[in-house]
């Protein structure tokens, strides 16, 4: 789904979670499309294996297990290769410190309010999970404890599959945070 600017209701309808991981970005011009390729959906692979497992198929269970293991290994290899190739197209680095499906807070010494960037975030290694979006830097955020500049980036164009990946990531991270607080 490509959208111009989200309404106030949409901005508030997504949960956000504090994180701390490196992201890659490139500067983009107004109207420039995303160049980050659409990630293969891990759910598609799981659905295919589930179909093979469905009763009535004549595929031996040992072959299904073998194909499942091979699929996981290929995903790992592709993840490593993707990271290396992304750095060629997305040469700049920043730290992502808060994520939601409508935008992020980032830490960077070189960004300016009003700039537009395409951001790539690695949300998980195994299975590889990547989300990308084009966003505008809308305002400076509060400086962090080390007085490093923080900026709010509002997504102006994001594929629906990337938004769904971010929603899943935020839900998983929030659930883990709640679980760890209960154990304290």
N, C-alpha and C. Protein backbone atom coordinates (compact mmCIF):
# COMPACT_ATOMS: atom_id res chain seq x y z
N UNK A 1 0.85 -1.17 0.00
CA UNK A 1 0.00 0.00 0.00
C UNK A 1 0.89 1.23 0.00
N UNK A 2 0.66 2.09 -0.93
CA UNK A 2 1.40 3.33 -0.98
C UNK A 2 0.45 4.44 -0.55
N UNK A 3 0.89 5.25 0.36
CA UNK A 3 0.01 6.32 0.80
C UNK A 3 0.80 7.60 0.88
N UNK A 4 0.10 8.73 0.77
CA UNK A 4 0.80 9.98 0.99
C UNK A 4 0.96 10.10 2.50
N UNK A 5 0.27 10.94 3.16
CA UNK A 5 0.48 11.07 4.59
C UNK A 5 -0.67 10.42 5.33
N UNK A 6 -0.34 9.70 6.39
CA UNK A 6 -1.36 9.03 7.20
C UNK A 6 -2.15 10.07 7.98
N UNK A 7 -3.42 9.76 8.19
CA UNK A 7 -4.25 10.65 9.00
C UNK A 7 -3.83 10.53 10.46
N UNK A 8 -4.27 11.47 11.27
CA UNK A 8 -3.96 11.42 12.71
C UNK A 8 -4.45 10.12 13.33
N UNK A 9 -5.63 9.65 12.92
CA UNK A 9 -6.17 8.40 13.47
C UNK A 9 -5.29 7.22 13.12
N UNK A 10 -4.78 7.17 11.87
CA UNK A 10 -3.91 6.07 11.47
C UNK A 10 -2.60 6.10 12.24
N UNK A 11 -2.07 7.31 12.45
CA UNK A 11 -0.80 7.42 13.17
C UNK A 11 -0.91 6.83 14.57
N UNK A 12 -2.05 7.03 15.20
CA UNK A 12 -2.23 6.59 16.58
C UNK A 12 -2.72 5.14 16.67
N UNK A 13 -3.09 4.54 15.55
CA UNK A 13 -3.67 3.20 15.62
C UNK A 13 -2.61 2.11 15.66
N UNK A 14 -1.34 2.45 15.53
CA UNK A 14 -0.27 1.46 15.58
C UNK A 14 0.51 1.59 16.87
N UNK A 15 0.77 0.45 17.48
CA UNK A 15 1.60 0.43 18.68
C UNK A 15 3.04 0.72 18.30
N UNK A 16 3.80 1.17 19.27
CA UNK A 16 5.22 1.40 19.04
C UNK A 16 6.01 0.71 20.14
N UNK A 17 7.25 0.38 19.84
CA UNK A 17 8.07 -0.34 20.79
C UNK A 17 9.50 0.21 20.73
N UNK A 18 10.13 0.38 21.89
CA UNK A 18 11.54 0.81 21.88
C UNK A 18 12.44 -0.33 21.42
N UNK A 19 13.42 0.00 20.59
CA UNK A 19 14.38 -0.97 20.07
C UNK A 19 15.74 -0.29 20.01
N UNK A 20 16.73 -1.01 19.59
CA UNK A 20 18.04 -0.40 19.33
C UNK A 20 18.76 -1.30 18.34
N UNK A 21 18.63 -0.97 17.05
CA UNK A 21 19.33 -1.73 16.03
C UNK A 21 19.69 -0.81 14.87
N UNK A 22 20.66 -1.25 14.08
CA UNK A 22 21.14 -0.44 12.97
C UNK A 22 20.22 -0.60 11.76
N UNK A 23 19.96 0.50 11.09
CA UNK A 23 19.21 0.49 9.84
C UNK A 23 20.06 1.11 8.75
N UNK A 24 19.68 0.84 7.52
CA UNK A 24 20.36 1.42 6.36
C UNK A 24 19.39 2.36 5.66
N UNK A 25 19.93 3.39 5.02
CA UNK A 25 19.05 4.29 4.29
C UNK A 25 19.78 4.94 3.13
N UNK A 26 18.97 5.52 2.26
CA UNK A 26 19.46 6.35 1.16
C UNK A 26 18.53 7.54 1.04
N UNK A 27 19.05 8.64 0.57
CA UNK A 27 18.23 9.83 0.34
C UNK A 27 17.42 9.63 -0.94
N UNK A 28 16.17 10.06 -0.95
CA UNK A 28 15.32 9.95 -2.13
C UNK A 28 14.69 11.30 -2.45
N UNK A 29 14.32 11.48 -3.70
CA UNK A 29 13.62 12.68 -4.16
C UNK A 29 12.13 12.46 -4.06
N UNK A 30 11.39 13.53 -4.10
CA UNK A 30 9.93 13.46 -4.05
C UNK A 30 9.42 12.58 -5.19
N UNK A 31 8.58 11.61 -4.87
CA UNK A 31 7.97 10.75 -5.88
C UNK A 31 8.84 9.59 -6.34
N UNK A 32 10.06 9.50 -5.85
CA UNK A 32 10.95 8.40 -6.24
C UNK A 32 10.44 7.09 -5.62
N UNK A 33 10.43 6.00 -6.38
CA UNK A 33 9.90 4.73 -5.84
C UNK A 33 10.91 4.01 -4.93
N UNK A 34 10.39 3.08 -4.15
CA UNK A 34 11.25 2.22 -3.33
C UNK A 34 12.08 1.34 -4.24
N UNK A 35 13.36 1.14 -3.90
CA UNK A 35 14.18 0.22 -4.67
C UNK A 35 14.45 -1.06 -3.90
N UNK A 36 14.14 -1.07 -2.61
CA UNK A 36 14.32 -2.29 -1.83
C UNK A 36 13.35 -3.33 -2.37
N UNK A 37 13.86 -4.49 -2.77
CA UNK A 37 12.94 -5.50 -3.33
C UNK A 37 11.99 -6.02 -2.27
N UNK A 38 10.82 -6.44 -2.73
CA UNK A 38 9.84 -7.03 -1.83
C UNK A 38 10.40 -8.34 -1.31
N UNK A 39 10.32 -8.52 -0.02
CA UNK A 39 10.82 -9.72 0.62
C UNK A 39 9.88 -10.88 0.35
N UNK A 40 10.47 -12.05 0.10
CA UNK A 40 9.64 -13.25 -0.02
C UNK A 40 8.96 -13.50 1.31
N UNK A 41 7.73 -13.84 1.26
CA UNK A 41 6.94 -14.04 2.46
C UNK A 41 7.25 -15.41 3.07
N UNK A 42 7.73 -15.43 4.30
CA UNK A 42 8.05 -16.66 5.00
C UNK A 42 6.79 -17.50 5.16
N UNK A 43 5.65 -16.84 5.30
CA UNK A 43 4.38 -17.56 5.46
C UNK A 43 4.06 -18.38 4.22
N UNK A 44 4.46 -17.91 3.02
CA UNK A 44 4.21 -18.68 1.80
C UNK A 44 4.91 -20.03 1.86
N UNK A 45 6.16 -20.03 2.34
CA UNK A 45 6.89 -21.29 2.46
C UNK A 45 6.24 -22.22 3.47
N UNK A 46 5.80 -21.65 4.59
CA UNK A 46 5.15 -22.48 5.61
C UNK A 46 3.85 -23.06 5.06
N UNK A 47 3.11 -22.27 4.28
CA UNK A 47 1.86 -22.76 3.72
C UNK A 47 2.10 -23.90 2.73
N UNK A 48 3.17 -23.78 1.93
CA UNK A 48 3.49 -24.84 0.98
C UNK A 48 3.82 -26.13 1.71
N UNK A 49 4.60 -26.04 2.76
CA UNK A 49 4.96 -27.23 3.54
C UNK A 49 3.72 -27.81 4.22
N UNK A 50 2.84 -26.95 4.70
CA UNK A 50 1.59 -27.42 5.31
C UNK A 50 0.75 -28.17 4.27
N UNK A 51 0.72 -27.68 3.03
CA UNK A 51 -0.01 -28.37 1.97
C UNK A 51 0.58 -29.75 1.71
N UNK A 52 1.92 -29.82 1.70
CA UNK A 52 2.56 -31.12 1.50
C UNK A 52 2.24 -32.08 2.64
N UNK A 53 2.11 -31.53 3.84
CA UNK A 53 1.81 -32.35 5.02
C UNK A 53 0.34 -32.77 5.09
N UNK A 54 -0.50 -32.11 4.33
CA UNK A 54 -1.94 -32.40 4.41
C UNK A 54 -2.20 -33.85 4.06
N UNK A 55 -3.14 -34.42 4.76
CA UNK A 55 -3.48 -35.82 4.52
C UNK A 55 -3.87 -36.03 3.07
N UNK A 56 -3.53 -37.19 2.55
CA UNK A 56 -3.90 -37.52 1.18
C UNK A 56 -2.79 -37.27 0.18
N UNK A 57 -1.73 -36.56 0.57
CA UNK A 57 -0.63 -36.37 -0.38
C UNK A 57 0.23 -37.62 -0.36
N UNK A 58 0.90 -37.84 -1.44
CA UNK A 58 1.74 -39.04 -1.55
C UNK A 58 3.22 -38.70 -1.40
N UNK A 59 3.50 -37.53 -0.82
CA UNK A 59 4.89 -37.12 -0.60
C UNK A 59 5.35 -37.73 0.72
N UNK A 60 6.46 -38.49 0.68
CA UNK A 60 6.95 -39.11 1.93
C UNK A 60 7.30 -38.06 2.99
N UNK A 61 7.01 -38.36 4.23
CA UNK A 61 7.26 -37.41 5.32
C UNK A 61 8.74 -37.07 5.45
N UNK A 62 9.62 -38.01 5.16
CA UNK A 62 11.07 -37.74 5.22
C UNK A 62 11.44 -36.67 4.19
N UNK A 63 10.85 -36.72 3.02
CA UNK A 63 11.12 -35.73 1.99
C UNK A 63 10.60 -34.36 2.40
N UNK A 64 9.44 -34.34 3.03
CA UNK A 64 8.88 -33.08 3.51
C UNK A 64 9.79 -32.45 4.55
N UNK A 65 10.30 -33.25 5.49
CA UNK A 65 11.22 -32.73 6.52
C UNK A 65 12.50 -32.21 5.87
N UNK A 66 13.03 -32.96 4.90
CA UNK A 66 14.25 -32.56 4.20
C UNK A 66 14.04 -31.22 3.48
N UNK A 67 12.93 -31.09 2.76
CA UNK A 67 12.64 -29.85 2.05
C UNK A 67 12.46 -28.67 3.01
N UNK A 68 11.87 -28.93 4.15
CA UNK A 68 11.69 -27.90 5.16
C UNK A 68 13.04 -27.40 5.69
N UNK A 69 13.94 -28.34 5.97
CA UNK A 69 15.28 -27.98 6.46
C UNK A 69 16.04 -27.21 5.38
N UNK A 70 15.97 -27.67 4.14
CA UNK A 70 16.65 -27.00 3.03
C UNK A 70 16.10 -25.58 2.84
N UNK A 71 14.79 -25.42 2.98
CA UNK A 71 14.17 -24.11 2.85
C UNK A 71 14.74 -23.15 3.90
N UNK A 72 14.88 -23.62 5.14
CA UNK A 72 15.46 -22.79 6.20
C UNK A 72 16.90 -22.40 5.91
N UNK A 73 17.68 -23.35 5.41
CA UNK A 73 19.08 -23.05 5.09
C UNK A 73 19.20 -22.05 3.94
N UNK A 74 18.37 -22.22 2.93
CA UNK A 74 18.39 -21.28 1.81
C UNK A 74 17.97 -19.88 2.26
N UNK A 75 16.99 -19.80 3.15
CA UNK A 75 16.60 -18.49 3.69
C UNK A 75 17.77 -17.83 4.40
N UNK A 76 18.55 -18.60 5.15
CA UNK A 76 19.71 -18.06 5.87
C UNK A 76 20.76 -17.53 4.89
N UNK A 77 21.05 -18.30 3.85
CA UNK A 77 22.04 -17.88 2.86
C UNK A 77 21.58 -16.61 2.15
N UNK A 78 20.32 -16.59 1.75
CA UNK A 78 19.78 -15.41 1.08
C UNK A 78 19.83 -14.18 1.97
N UNK A 79 19.60 -14.36 3.26
CA UNK A 79 19.66 -13.24 4.20
C UNK A 79 21.05 -12.63 4.23
N UNK A 80 22.07 -13.47 4.27
CA UNK A 80 23.45 -12.98 4.30
C UNK A 80 23.79 -12.25 3.00
N UNK A 81 23.40 -12.84 1.86
CA UNK A 81 23.68 -12.21 0.57
C UNK A 81 22.92 -10.89 0.41
N UNK A 82 21.68 -10.86 0.90
CA UNK A 82 20.89 -9.63 0.80
C UNK A 82 21.54 -8.50 1.58
N UNK A 83 22.04 -8.79 2.77
CA UNK A 83 22.67 -7.75 3.59
C UNK A 83 23.84 -7.12 2.86
N UNK A 84 24.66 -7.97 2.24
CA UNK A 84 25.82 -7.45 1.53
C UNK A 84 25.41 -6.57 0.35
N UNK A 85 24.39 -7.00 -0.40
CA UNK A 85 23.99 -6.21 -1.56
C UNK A 85 23.24 -4.94 -1.16
N UNK A 86 22.51 -4.97 -0.05
CA UNK A 86 21.80 -3.77 0.40
C UNK A 86 22.76 -2.65 0.73
N UNK A 87 23.92 -2.97 1.28
CA UNK A 87 24.87 -1.94 1.67
C UNK A 87 25.40 -1.17 0.46
N UNK A 88 25.33 -1.77 -0.71
CA UNK A 88 25.75 -1.08 -1.93
C UNK A 88 24.72 0.00 -2.30
N UNK A 89 23.45 -0.31 -2.17
CA UNK A 89 22.39 0.62 -2.57
C UNK A 89 21.95 1.55 -1.43
N UNK A 90 22.19 1.13 -0.20
CA UNK A 90 21.82 1.92 0.97
C UNK A 90 23.09 2.16 1.80
N UNK A 91 23.90 3.14 1.38
CA UNK A 91 25.24 3.30 1.96
C UNK A 91 25.27 3.95 3.34
N UNK A 92 24.18 4.55 3.77
CA UNK A 92 24.17 5.29 5.03
C UNK A 92 23.59 4.46 6.16
N UNK A 93 24.12 4.67 7.35
CA UNK A 93 23.66 3.92 8.53
C UNK A 93 23.08 4.88 9.56
N UNK A 94 22.15 4.36 10.32
CA UNK A 94 21.59 5.09 11.45
C UNK A 94 21.13 4.06 12.48
N UNK A 95 20.78 4.53 13.65
CA UNK A 95 20.27 3.64 14.70
C UNK A 95 18.77 3.86 14.83
N UNK A 96 18.02 2.79 14.79
CA UNK A 96 16.57 2.84 14.99
C UNK A 96 16.34 2.62 16.47
N UNK A 97 15.62 3.55 17.12
CA UNK A 97 15.41 3.43 18.56
C UNK A 97 13.96 3.24 18.96
N UNK A 98 13.04 3.41 18.00
CA UNK A 98 11.63 3.12 18.27
C UNK A 98 10.96 2.80 16.93
N UNK A 99 10.10 1.77 16.94
CA UNK A 99 9.46 1.32 15.71
C UNK A 99 7.96 1.26 15.89
N UNK A 100 7.24 1.69 14.86
CA UNK A 100 5.81 1.43 14.73
C UNK A 100 5.55 1.21 13.25
N UNK A 101 4.34 0.83 12.90
CA UNK A 101 4.01 0.59 11.50
C UNK A 101 3.76 1.89 10.73
N UNK A 102 3.77 3.03 11.43
CA UNK A 102 3.57 4.31 10.74
C UNK A 102 4.83 5.17 10.70
N UNK A 103 5.88 4.76 11.44
CA UNK A 103 7.11 5.53 11.43
C UNK A 103 8.08 5.02 12.48
N UNK A 104 9.22 5.69 12.55
CA UNK A 104 10.28 5.28 13.47
C UNK A 104 10.92 6.52 14.09
N UNK A 105 11.60 6.31 15.20
CA UNK A 105 12.53 7.30 15.75
C UNK A 105 13.93 6.79 15.45
N UNK A 106 14.77 7.67 14.94
CA UNK A 106 16.13 7.27 14.57
C UNK A 106 17.14 8.22 15.20
N UNK A 107 18.34 7.72 15.35
CA UNK A 107 19.45 8.47 15.90
C UNK A 107 20.45 8.67 14.77
N UNK A 108 20.76 9.93 14.44
CA UNK A 108 21.70 10.21 13.35
C UNK A 108 22.28 11.61 13.52
N UNK A 109 23.54 11.73 13.17
CA UNK A 109 24.21 13.03 13.23
C UNK A 109 24.07 13.83 11.94
N UNK A 110 23.59 13.20 10.86
CA UNK A 110 23.63 13.87 9.56
C UNK A 110 22.26 14.16 8.96
N UNK A 111 21.19 13.67 9.50
CA UNK A 111 19.86 13.92 8.93
C UNK A 111 19.36 15.31 9.28
N UNK A 112 18.44 15.81 8.44
CA UNK A 112 17.84 17.12 8.65
C UNK A 112 16.32 17.00 8.50
N UNK A 113 15.59 17.81 9.24
CA UNK A 113 14.14 17.85 9.12
C UNK A 113 13.77 18.22 7.68
N UNK A 114 12.80 17.51 7.12
CA UNK A 114 12.35 17.76 5.75
C UNK A 114 12.93 16.80 4.73
N UNK A 115 14.06 16.16 5.04
CA UNK A 115 14.65 15.21 4.10
C UNK A 115 13.74 13.99 3.97
N UNK A 116 13.86 13.34 2.82
CA UNK A 116 13.12 12.12 2.58
C UNK A 116 14.13 11.00 2.37
N UNK A 117 13.88 9.85 3.02
CA UNK A 117 14.80 8.71 2.93
C UNK A 117 14.03 7.43 2.67
N UNK A 118 14.73 6.47 2.08
CA UNK A 118 14.22 5.09 2.05
C UNK A 118 15.01 4.33 3.08
N UNK A 119 14.31 3.73 4.01
CA UNK A 119 14.91 3.06 5.17
C UNK A 119 14.72 1.56 5.05
N UNK A 120 15.77 0.80 5.34
CA UNK A 120 15.71 -0.66 5.36
C UNK A 120 16.05 -1.11 6.77
N UNK A 121 15.18 -1.95 7.35
CA UNK A 121 15.39 -2.43 8.72
C UNK A 121 15.41 -3.96 8.72
N UNK A 122 16.40 -4.52 9.38
CA UNK A 122 16.48 -5.97 9.57
C UNK A 122 15.79 -6.30 10.88
N UNK A 123 14.66 -6.97 10.77
CA UNK A 123 13.84 -7.25 11.96
C UNK A 123 14.12 -8.62 12.54
N UNK A 124 14.83 -9.45 11.83
CA UNK A 124 15.15 -10.78 12.33
C UNK A 124 16.06 -11.50 11.35
N UNK A 125 16.94 -12.30 11.87
CA UNK A 125 17.89 -13.03 11.04
C UNK A 125 17.34 -14.37 10.57
N UNK A 126 16.76 -15.14 11.47
CA UNK A 126 16.31 -16.50 11.15
C UNK A 126 14.90 -16.69 11.62
N UNK A 127 13.93 -16.69 10.76
CA UNK A 127 14.04 -16.48 9.33
C UNK A 127 14.32 -15.01 9.04
N UNK A 128 14.93 -14.74 7.89
CA UNK A 128 15.26 -13.35 7.57
C UNK A 128 13.99 -12.52 7.41
N UNK A 129 13.96 -11.39 8.11
CA UNK A 129 12.80 -10.50 8.04
C UNK A 129 13.31 -9.08 7.84
N UNK A 130 12.85 -8.48 6.75
CA UNK A 130 13.27 -7.13 6.39
C UNK A 130 12.02 -6.30 6.15
N UNK A 131 12.06 -5.05 6.55
CA UNK A 131 10.98 -4.12 6.23
C UNK A 131 11.63 -2.86 5.67
N UNK A 132 10.96 -2.27 4.70
CA UNK A 132 11.49 -1.05 4.10
C UNK A 132 10.34 -0.08 3.86
N UNK A 133 10.65 1.20 3.88
CA UNK A 133 9.64 2.23 3.65
C UNK A 133 10.34 3.52 3.26
N UNK A 134 9.60 4.37 2.58
CA UNK A 134 10.08 5.73 2.33
C UNK A 134 9.42 6.61 3.37
N UNK A 135 10.20 7.48 3.96
CA UNK A 135 9.67 8.35 5.00
C UNK A 135 10.28 9.74 4.95
N UNK A 136 9.56 10.66 5.56
CA UNK A 136 10.02 12.05 5.65
C UNK A 136 10.40 12.32 7.11
N UNK A 137 11.50 13.01 7.29
CA UNK A 137 11.92 13.40 8.63
C UNK A 137 11.07 14.60 9.01
N UNK A 138 10.15 14.40 9.97
CA UNK A 138 9.16 15.43 10.25
C UNK A 138 9.51 16.34 11.42
N UNK A 139 10.34 15.86 12.33
CA UNK A 139 10.69 16.72 13.47
C UNK A 139 11.86 16.12 14.22
N UNK A 140 12.60 16.98 14.90
CA UNK A 140 13.63 16.43 15.80
C UNK A 140 12.95 15.86 17.03
N UNK A 141 13.49 14.79 17.54
CA UNK A 141 12.97 14.21 18.77
C UNK A 141 13.78 14.68 19.95
N UNK A 142 13.49 14.13 21.07
CA UNK A 142 14.24 14.48 22.28
C UNK A 142 15.65 13.90 22.16
N UNK A 143 16.67 14.64 22.56
CA UNK A 143 18.03 14.07 22.50
C UNK A 143 18.14 12.90 23.46
N UNK A 144 18.98 11.94 23.12
CA UNK A 144 19.14 10.79 24.01
C UNK A 144 20.10 11.14 25.15
N UNK A 145 20.41 10.17 25.97
CA UNK A 145 21.26 10.40 27.15
C UNK A 145 22.66 10.86 26.78
N UNK A 146 23.10 10.51 25.57
CA UNK A 146 24.43 10.91 25.14
C UNK A 146 24.38 12.17 24.28
N UNK A 147 23.25 12.87 24.29
CA UNK A 147 23.03 14.09 23.50
C UNK A 147 23.19 13.88 22.00
N UNK A 148 22.89 12.66 21.53
CA UNK A 148 22.90 12.42 20.08
C UNK A 148 21.55 12.82 19.52
N UNK A 149 21.54 13.44 18.33
CA UNK A 149 20.27 13.88 17.75
C UNK A 149 19.35 12.71 17.40
N UNK A 150 18.07 12.89 17.69
CA UNK A 150 17.04 11.91 17.38
C UNK A 150 16.00 12.59 16.49
N UNK A 151 15.52 11.85 15.48
CA UNK A 151 14.54 12.38 14.55
C UNK A 151 13.37 11.43 14.41
N UNK A 152 12.18 12.00 14.22
CA UNK A 152 10.98 11.22 13.92
C UNK A 152 10.85 11.12 12.41
N UNK A 153 10.68 9.90 11.92
CA UNK A 153 10.50 9.64 10.49
C UNK A 153 9.09 9.09 10.31
N UNK A 154 8.28 9.80 9.54
CA UNK A 154 6.91 9.36 9.24
C UNK A 154 6.93 8.68 7.88
N UNK A 155 6.41 7.44 7.81
CA UNK A 155 6.38 6.73 6.54
C UNK A 155 5.38 7.41 5.61
N UNK A 156 5.83 7.70 4.39
CA UNK A 156 4.96 8.30 3.38
C UNK A 156 4.61 7.30 2.29
N UNK A 157 5.39 6.23 2.18
CA UNK A 157 5.12 5.17 1.20
C UNK A 157 5.66 3.87 1.77
N UNK A 158 4.77 2.89 1.91
CA UNK A 158 5.18 1.59 2.46
C UNK A 158 4.30 0.51 1.85
N UNK A 159 4.92 -0.59 1.47
CA UNK A 159 4.14 -1.72 0.95
C UNK A 159 3.33 -2.32 2.09
N UNK A 160 2.18 -2.84 1.77
CA UNK A 160 1.34 -3.45 2.80
C UNK A 160 2.06 -4.63 3.48
N UNK A 161 2.83 -5.41 2.71
CA UNK A 161 3.56 -6.54 3.29
C UNK A 161 4.62 -6.06 4.29
N UNK A 162 5.25 -4.92 4.02
CA UNK A 162 6.24 -4.36 4.96
C UNK A 162 5.54 -3.84 6.22
N UNK A 163 4.39 -3.20 6.05
CA UNK A 163 3.64 -2.72 7.21
C UNK A 163 3.21 -3.90 8.09
N UNK A 164 2.74 -4.98 7.47
CA UNK A 164 2.34 -6.16 8.23
C UNK A 164 3.53 -6.76 8.98
N UNK A 165 4.70 -6.75 8.33
CA UNK A 165 5.91 -7.26 8.98
C UNK A 165 6.26 -6.42 10.20
N UNK A 166 6.11 -5.10 10.08
CA UNK A 166 6.37 -4.22 11.23
C UNK A 166 5.35 -4.44 12.35
N UNK A 167 4.10 -4.63 12.00
CA UNK A 167 3.08 -4.89 13.01
C UNK A 167 3.41 -6.18 13.77
N UNK A 168 3.79 -7.24 13.02
CA UNK A 168 4.16 -8.51 13.67
C UNK A 168 5.37 -8.32 14.59
N UNK A 169 6.37 -7.56 14.10
CA UNK A 169 7.58 -7.33 14.88
C UNK A 169 7.26 -6.59 16.18
N UNK A 170 6.47 -5.52 16.09
CA UNK A 170 6.13 -4.72 17.27
C UNK A 170 5.34 -5.58 18.25
N UNK A 171 4.40 -6.37 17.76
CA UNK A 171 3.62 -7.23 18.63
C UNK A 171 4.52 -8.22 19.37
N UNK A 172 5.45 -8.86 18.62
CA UNK A 172 6.36 -9.83 19.23
C UNK A 172 7.26 -9.17 20.28
N UNK A 173 7.82 -8.01 19.95
CA UNK A 173 8.70 -7.31 20.88
C UNK A 173 7.95 -6.87 22.14
N UNK A 174 6.74 -6.37 21.96
CA UNK A 174 5.92 -5.92 23.08
C UNK A 174 5.56 -7.09 23.98
N UNK A 175 5.21 -8.22 23.37
CA UNK A 175 4.88 -9.42 24.13
C UNK A 175 6.09 -9.89 24.95
N UNK A 176 7.28 -9.86 24.34
CA UNK A 176 8.50 -10.26 25.06
C UNK A 176 8.79 -9.31 26.22
N UNK A 177 8.59 -8.01 26.00
CA UNK A 177 8.83 -7.02 27.05
C UNK A 177 7.87 -7.26 28.23
N UNK A 178 6.61 -7.51 27.93
CA UNK A 178 5.62 -7.76 28.99
C UNK A 178 5.97 -9.05 29.74
N UNK A 179 6.34 -10.07 29.00
CA UNK A 179 6.72 -11.36 29.61
C UNK A 179 7.91 -11.19 30.55
N UNK A 180 8.93 -10.43 30.12
CA UNK A 180 10.12 -10.27 30.95
C UNK A 180 9.80 -9.42 32.19
N UNK A 181 8.88 -8.45 32.08
CA UNK A 181 8.50 -7.65 33.24
C UNK A 181 7.76 -8.50 34.27
N UNK A 182 6.96 -9.45 33.81
CA UNK A 182 6.25 -10.34 34.72
C UNK A 182 7.19 -11.24 35.51
N UNK A 183 8.32 -11.59 34.88
CA UNK A 183 9.27 -12.49 35.53
C UNK A 183 10.12 -11.78 36.57
N UNK A 184 10.11 -10.46 36.56
CA UNK A 184 10.94 -9.69 37.51
C UNK A 184 10.36 -9.73 38.90
